[in-house]
C-alpha atoms as a PDB file:
ATOM      1  CA  MET A   1      -6.467  12.342 -11.418  1.00  0.00           C
ATOM      2  CA  LYS A   2      -6.996  12.158  -7.659  1.00  0.00           C
ATOM      3  CA  GLU A   3      -7.318   8.982  -5.617  1.00  0.00           C
ATOM      4  CA  TYR A   4      -8.509   8.474  -2.082  1.00  0.00           C
ATOM      5  CA  TYR A   5      -8.309   5.315   0.031  1.00  0.00           C
ATOM      6  CA  PHE A   6     -10.699   4.653   2.891  1.00  0.00           C
ATOM      7  CA  LEU A   7     -12.321   1.930   4.987  1.00  0.00           C
ATOM      8  CA  LEU A   8     -16.073   1.504   4.881  1.00  0.00           C
ATOM      9  CA  ASN A   9     -18.206  -0.560   7.231  1.00  0.00           C
ATOM     10  CA  LEU A  10     -21.954  -0.135   6.699  1.00  0.00           C
ATOM     11  CA  THR A  11     -24.676  -2.480   7.874  1.00  0.00           C
ATOM     12  CA  TYR A  12     -27.237  -3.822   5.434  1.00  0.00           C
ATOM     13  CA  LYS A  13     -29.857  -1.485   6.966  1.00  0.00           C
ATOM     14  CA  GLN A  14     -27.600   1.537   6.451  1.00  0.00           C
ATOM     15  CA  CYS A  15     -27.039   0.477   2.846  1.00  0.00           C
ATOM     16  CA  MET A  16     -30.758   0.146   2.219  1.00  0.00           C
ATOM     17  CA  ASP A  17     -31.270   3.701   3.477  1.00  0.00           C
ATOM     18  CA  TYR A  18     -28.829   4.852   0.787  1.00  0.00           C
ATOM     19  CA  TYR A  19     -30.263   2.497  -1.820  1.00  0.00           C
ATOM     20  CA  ASP A  20     -33.841   3.619  -1.132  1.00  0.00           C
ATOM     21  CA  GLY A  21     -32.843   7.250  -1.598  1.00  0.00           C
ATOM     22  CA  LYS A  22     -33.052   8.378   2.020  1.00  0.00           C
ATOM     23  CA  TYR A  23     -29.528   9.715   1.547  1.00  0.00           C
ATOM     24  CA  THR A  24     -28.070  10.885  -1.735  1.00  0.00           C
ATOM     25  CA  SER A  25     -24.412  11.045  -0.777  1.00  0.00           C
ATOM     26  CA  VAL A  26     -21.832   9.249   1.335  1.00  0.00           C
ATOM     27  CA  GLN A  27     -19.196  11.109   3.318  1.00  0.00           C
ATOM     28  CA  VAL A  28     -16.012   9.299   4.302  1.00  0.00           C
ATOM     29  CA  THR A  29     -12.697  10.227   5.854  1.00  0.00           C
ATOM     30  CA  GLU A  30      -9.859   9.073   3.654  1.00  0.00           C
ATOM     31  CA  ASP A  31      -6.582   7.722   5.024  1.00  0.00           C
ATOM     32  CA  GLY A  32      -4.944  11.157   5.027  1.00  0.00           C
ATOM     33  CA  GLY A  33      -7.726  12.665   7.165  1.00  0.00           C
ATOM     34  CA  LYS A  34      -9.529  14.541   4.392  1.00  0.00           C
ATOM     35  CA  THR A  35     -13.322  14.332   4.242  1.00  0.00           C
ATOM     36  CA  VAL A  36     -14.614  13.233   0.843  1.00  0.00           C
ATOM     37  CA  ARG A  37     -18.234  13.019  -0.339  1.00  0.00           C
ATOM     38  CA  PHE A  38     -19.598  11.082  -3.320  1.00  0.00           C
ATOM     39  CA  ALA A  39     -22.998  10.010  -4.657  1.00  0.00           C
ATOM     40  CA  ALA A  40     -24.481   7.102  -2.702  1.00  0.00           C
ATOM     41  CA  HIS A  41     -25.574   5.219  -5.827  1.00  0.00           C
ATOM     42  CA  HIS A  42     -21.928   4.349  -6.475  1.00  0.00           C
ATOM     43  CA  LEU A  43     -22.107   1.914  -3.529  1.00  0.00           C
ATOM     44  CA  ARG A  44     -24.799  -0.267  -5.100  1.00  0.00           C
ATOM     45  CA  PRO A  45     -22.448  -2.788  -6.749  1.00  0.00           C
ATOM     46  CA  PHE A  46     -20.788  -3.457  -3.389  1.00  0.00           C
ATOM     47  CA  ILE A  47     -23.877  -4.104  -1.253  1.00  0.00           C
ATOM     48  CA  SER A  48     -24.230  -7.657   0.050  1.00  0.00           C
ATOM     49  CA  SER A  49     -26.443  -9.259   2.671  1.00  0.00           C
ATOM     50  CA  LEU A  50     -23.894  -8.058   5.250  1.00  0.00           C
ATOM     51  CA  GLY A  51     -23.839  -4.474   3.989  1.00  0.00           C
ATOM     52  CA  VAL A  52     -20.661  -2.891   2.640  1.00  0.00           C
ATOM     53  CA  ARG A  53     -17.338  -3.734   4.238  1.00  0.00           C
ATOM     54  CA  GLY A  54     -13.816  -3.250   3.045  1.00  0.00           C
ATOM     55  CA  ARG A  55     -11.131  -0.912   1.876  1.00  0.00           C
ATOM     56  CA  PHE A  56     -11.938   1.193  -1.168  1.00  0.00           C
ATOM     57  CA  ARG A  57     -10.263   3.488  -3.651  1.00  0.00           C
ATOM     58  CA  LEU A  58     -12.162   6.463  -5.042  1.00  0.00           C
ATOM     59  CA  LEU A  59     -10.859   7.929  -8.289  1.00  0.00           C
ATOM     60  CA  LEU A  60     -11.755  11.494  -9.298  1.00  0.00           C
ATOM     61  CA  THR A  61     -10.704  13.778 -12.110  1.00  0.00           C
ATOM     62  CA  SER A  62      -8.617  16.842 -11.280  1.00  0.00           C
ATOM     63  CA  GLU A  63     -11.963  18.731 -11.348  1.00  0.00           C
ATOM     64  CA  ASN A  64     -13.345  16.344  -8.672  1.00  0.00           C
ATOM     65  CA  GLN A  65     -15.638  14.505 -11.077  1.00  0.00           C
ATOM     66  CA  PHE A  66     -16.296  10.848 -10.292  1.00  0.00           C
ATOM     67  CA  ILE A  67     -14.355   8.264 -12.317  1.00  0.00           C
ATOM     68  CA  ARG A  68     -14.867   5.072 -10.322  1.00  0.00           C
ATOM     69  CA  LEU A  69     -15.039   3.413  -6.949  1.00  0.00           C
ATOM     70  CA  GLU A  70     -13.293   0.080  -6.457  1.00  0.00           C
ATOM     71  CA  ARG A  71     -12.840  -2.311  -3.573  1.00  0.00           C
ATOM     72  CA  VAL A  72      -9.148  -2.949  -2.953  1.00  0.00           C
ATOM     73  CA  SER A  73      -9.473  -5.454  -0.085  1.00  0.00           C
END
């Protein structure tokens, strides 16, 4: 299993672009400097009226298949 930690700060408008399907994936830079991309629909549980803000952990299998995304702070 692989895990990546990153900060995310998206406005509500940016989130709606993902939610509405304008974008299908999200690309972030994890704490170690590596660029990681995952499907945008995984952000839906974290969208609030302010957008998405916080520190997250992305868990992937050793084959880079999505396991889960969780807010850690």
